[in-house]
Amino acid sequence: MPPTEQTISAPHKPIGILGLSGIVGGIILACLKALRWSHGVVTAEVVGYAVGGILLPFLIAYAIAGRIKIRDWNKVGIWFLVLSFVFYLISHGT
């Protein structure tokens, strides 16, 4: 039996201050967007809206820069912040 090939992934970089601040900033923007949508009233629906506002840009950012071959959490944080800001601006008119 031939030996099985193992894929070697690039070593991932630990998250730095830039990536961490990007993730925290994206979460804050999603929460602000949800609070603006509800006119400042916190309900279960607003929490769900905020969670959706966090998950959508995070999954896109992870697909861009978090794959196993790349795995750079700093880039994920930056992409997450940029996408959260774009989604915040898009929803700002509603």
C-alpha atoms as a PDB file:
ATOM      1  CA  MET A   1       0.000   0.000   0.000  1.00  0.00           C
ATOM      2  CA  PRO A   2       1.424   3.381  -0.916  1.00  0.00           C
ATOM      3  CA  PRO A   3       1.803   5.882   1.903  1.00  0.00           C
ATOM      4  CA  THR A   4      -0.926   8.471   2.090  1.00  0.00           C
ATOM      5  CA  GLU A   5      -0.033  12.030   1.286  1.00  0.00           C
ATOM      6  CA  GLN A   6      -0.616  14.629   3.908  1.00  0.00           C
ATOM      7  CA  THR A   7      -1.190  18.200   2.988  1.00  0.00           C
ATOM      8  CA  ILE A   8       1.105  20.556   4.761  1.00  0.00           C
ATOM      9  CA  SER A   9      -0.541  23.802   5.657  1.00  0.00           C
ATOM     10  CA  ALA A  10       1.314  27.015   6.149  1.00  0.00           C
ATOM     11  CA  PRO A  11       1.864  27.874   9.790  1.00  0.00           C
ATOM     12  CA  HIS A  12      -0.790  30.273  10.926  1.00  0.00           C
ATOM     13  CA  LYS A  13       0.134  33.563  12.470  1.00  0.00           C
ATOM     14  CA  PRO A  14      -1.237  34.404  15.906  1.00  0.00           C
ATOM     15  CA  ILE A  15      -3.740  37.215  16.027  1.00  0.00           C
ATOM     16  CA  GLY A  16      -2.159  40.589  16.638  1.00  0.00           C
ATOM     17  CA  ILE A  17      -3.482  43.877  17.927  1.00  0.00           C
ATOM     18  CA  LEU A  18      -4.594  44.950  14.440  1.00  0.00           C
ATOM     19  CA  GLY A  19      -6.616  41.795  13.831  1.00  0.00           C
ATOM     20  CA  LEU A  20      -8.126  41.854  17.302  1.00  0.00           C
ATOM     21  CA  SER A  21      -9.124  45.500  16.998  1.00  0.00           C
ATOM     22  CA  GLY A  22     -10.650  44.748  13.589  1.00  0.00           C
ATOM     23  CA  ILE A  23     -12.787  41.964  15.040  1.00  0.00           C
ATOM     24  CA  VAL A  24     -13.867  44.070  18.022  1.00  0.00           C
ATOM     25  CA  GLY A  25     -14.601  47.033  15.744  1.00  0.00           C
ATOM     26  CA  GLY A  26     -16.694  44.864  13.432  1.00  0.00           C
ATOM     27  CA  ILE A  27     -18.711  43.518  16.346  1.00  0.00           C
ATOM     28  CA  ILE A  28     -19.301  47.056  17.629  1.00  0.00           C
ATOM     29  CA  LEU A  29     -20.438  48.207  14.174  1.00  0.00           C
ATOM     30  CA  ALA A  30     -22.881  45.293  13.908  1.00  0.00           C
ATOM     31  CA  CYS A  31     -24.318  46.089  17.341  1.00  0.00           C
ATOM     32  CA  LEU A  32     -24.629  49.790  16.473  1.00  0.00           C
ATOM     33  CA  LYS A  33     -26.371  48.875  13.224  1.00  0.00           C
ATOM     34  CA  ALA A  34     -28.849  46.701  15.121  1.00  0.00           C
ATOM     35  CA  LEU A  35     -29.504  49.407  17.722  1.00  0.00           C
ATOM     36  CA  ARG A  36     -29.988  52.013  15.025  1.00  0.00           C
ATOM     37  CA  TRP A  37     -32.433  49.708  13.248  1.00  0.00           C
ATOM     38  CA  SER A  38     -34.484  49.306  16.439  1.00  0.00           C
ATOM     39  CA  HIS A  39     -34.246  53.000  17.430  1.00  0.00           C
ATOM     40  CA  GLY A  40     -32.360  52.092  20.601  1.00  0.00           C
ATOM     41  CA  VAL A  41     -34.761  49.460  21.946  1.00  0.00           C
ATOM     42  CA  VAL A  42     -33.054  46.186  22.900  1.00  0.00           C
ATOM     43  CA  THR A  43     -35.187  43.110  22.228  1.00  0.00           C
ATOM     44  CA  ALA A  44     -34.517  39.513  21.242  1.00  0.00           C
ATOM     45  CA  GLU A  45     -35.099  40.489  17.615  1.00  0.00           C
ATOM     46  CA  VAL A  46     -32.332  43.103  17.844  1.00  0.00           C
ATOM     47  CA  VAL A  47     -29.934  40.548  19.319  1.00  0.00           C
ATOM     48  CA  GLY A  48     -30.679  38.221  16.408  1.00  0.00           C
ATOM     49  CA  TYR A  49     -30.174  41.075  13.958  1.00  0.00           C
ATOM     50  CA  ALA A  50     -26.821  41.859  15.580  1.00  0.00           C
ATOM     51  CA  VAL A  51     -25.727  38.211  15.483  1.00  0.00           C
ATOM     52  CA  GLY A  52     -26.641  38.041  11.801  1.00  0.00           C
ATOM     53  CA  GLY A  53     -24.795  41.295  11.237  1.00  0.00           C
ATOM     54  CA  ILE A  54     -21.722  39.747  12.842  1.00  0.00           C
ATOM     55  CA  LEU A  55     -21.879  36.346  11.150  1.00  0.00           C
ATOM     56  CA  LEU A  56     -22.367  37.471   7.549  1.00  0.00           C
ATOM     57  CA  PRO A  57     -19.267  39.685   7.269  1.00  0.00           C
ATOM     58  CA  PHE A  58     -17.211  37.290   9.423  1.00  0.00           C
ATOM     59  CA  LEU A  59     -17.979  34.321   7.181  1.00  0.00           C
ATOM     60  CA  ILE A  60     -17.098  36.346   4.086  1.00  0.00           C
ATOM     61  CA  ALA A  61     -13.866  37.560   5.722  1.00  0.00           C
ATOM     62  CA  TYR A  62     -13.004  34.024   6.794  1.00  0.00           C
ATOM     63  CA  ALA A  63     -13.596  32.778   3.258  1.00  0.00           C
ATOM     64  CA  ILE A  64     -11.231  35.464   1.937  1.00  0.00           C
ATOM     65  CA  ALA A  65      -8.356  35.277   4.424  1.00  0.00           C
ATOM     66  CA  GLY A  66      -8.984  32.470   6.899  1.00  0.00           C
ATOM     67  CA  ARG A  67      -8.655  29.390   4.769  1.00  0.00           C
ATOM     68  CA  ILE A  68      -6.188  26.739   5.861  1.00  0.00           C
ATOM     69  CA  LYS A  69      -3.631  27.624   3.175  1.00  0.00           C
ATOM     70  CA  ILE A  70      -3.600  31.281   4.240  1.00  0.00           C
ATOM     71  CA  ARG A  71      -4.826  31.323   7.870  1.00  0.00           C
ATOM     72  CA  ASP A  72      -3.908  34.899   8.762  1.00  0.00           C
ATOM     73  CA  TRP A  73      -6.175  36.105  11.563  1.00  0.00           C
ATOM     74  CA  ASN A  74      -4.944  39.674  11.191  1.00  0.00           C
ATOM     75  CA  LYS A  75      -6.242  39.770   7.614  1.00  0.00           C
ATOM     76  CA  VAL A  76      -9.509  38.179   8.754  1.00  0.00           C
ATOM     77  CA  GLY A  77      -9.914  40.945  11.334  1.00  0.00           C
ATOM     78  CA  ILE A  78      -9.192  43.681   8.814  1.00  0.00           C
ATOM     79  CA  TRP A  79     -11.548  42.194   6.221  1.00  0.00           C
ATOM     80  CA  PHE A  80     -14.217  41.756   8.897  1.00  0.00           C
ATOM     81  CA  LEU A  81     -13.955  45.405   9.913  1.00  0.00           C
ATOM     82  CA  VAL A  82     -14.065  46.618   6.303  1.00  0.00           C
ATOM     83  CA  LEU A  83     -17.051  44.442   5.432  1.00  0.00           C
ATOM     84  CA  SER A  84     -18.886  45.421   8.620  1.00  0.00           C
ATOM     85  CA  PHE A  85     -18.316  49.072   7.776  1.00  0.00           C
ATOM     86  CA  VAL A  86     -19.599  48.556   4.213  1.00  0.00           C
ATOM     87  CA  PHE A  87     -22.701  46.757   5.511  1.00  0.00           C
ATOM     88  CA  TYR A  88     -23.210  49.528   8.066  1.00  0.00           C
ATOM     89  CA  LEU A  89     -23.064  52.162   5.315  1.00  0.00           C
ATOM     90  CA  ILE A  90     -25.434  50.175   3.105  1.00  0.00           C
ATOM     91  CA  SER A  91     -27.999  49.853   5.893  1.00  0.00           C
ATOM     92  CA  HIS A  92     -27.521  53.470   7.015  1.00  0.00           C
ATOM     93  CA  GLY A  93     -30.109  54.686   4.506  1.00  0.00           C
ATOM     94  CA  THR A  94     -32.876  52.422   5.829  1.00  0.00           C
END
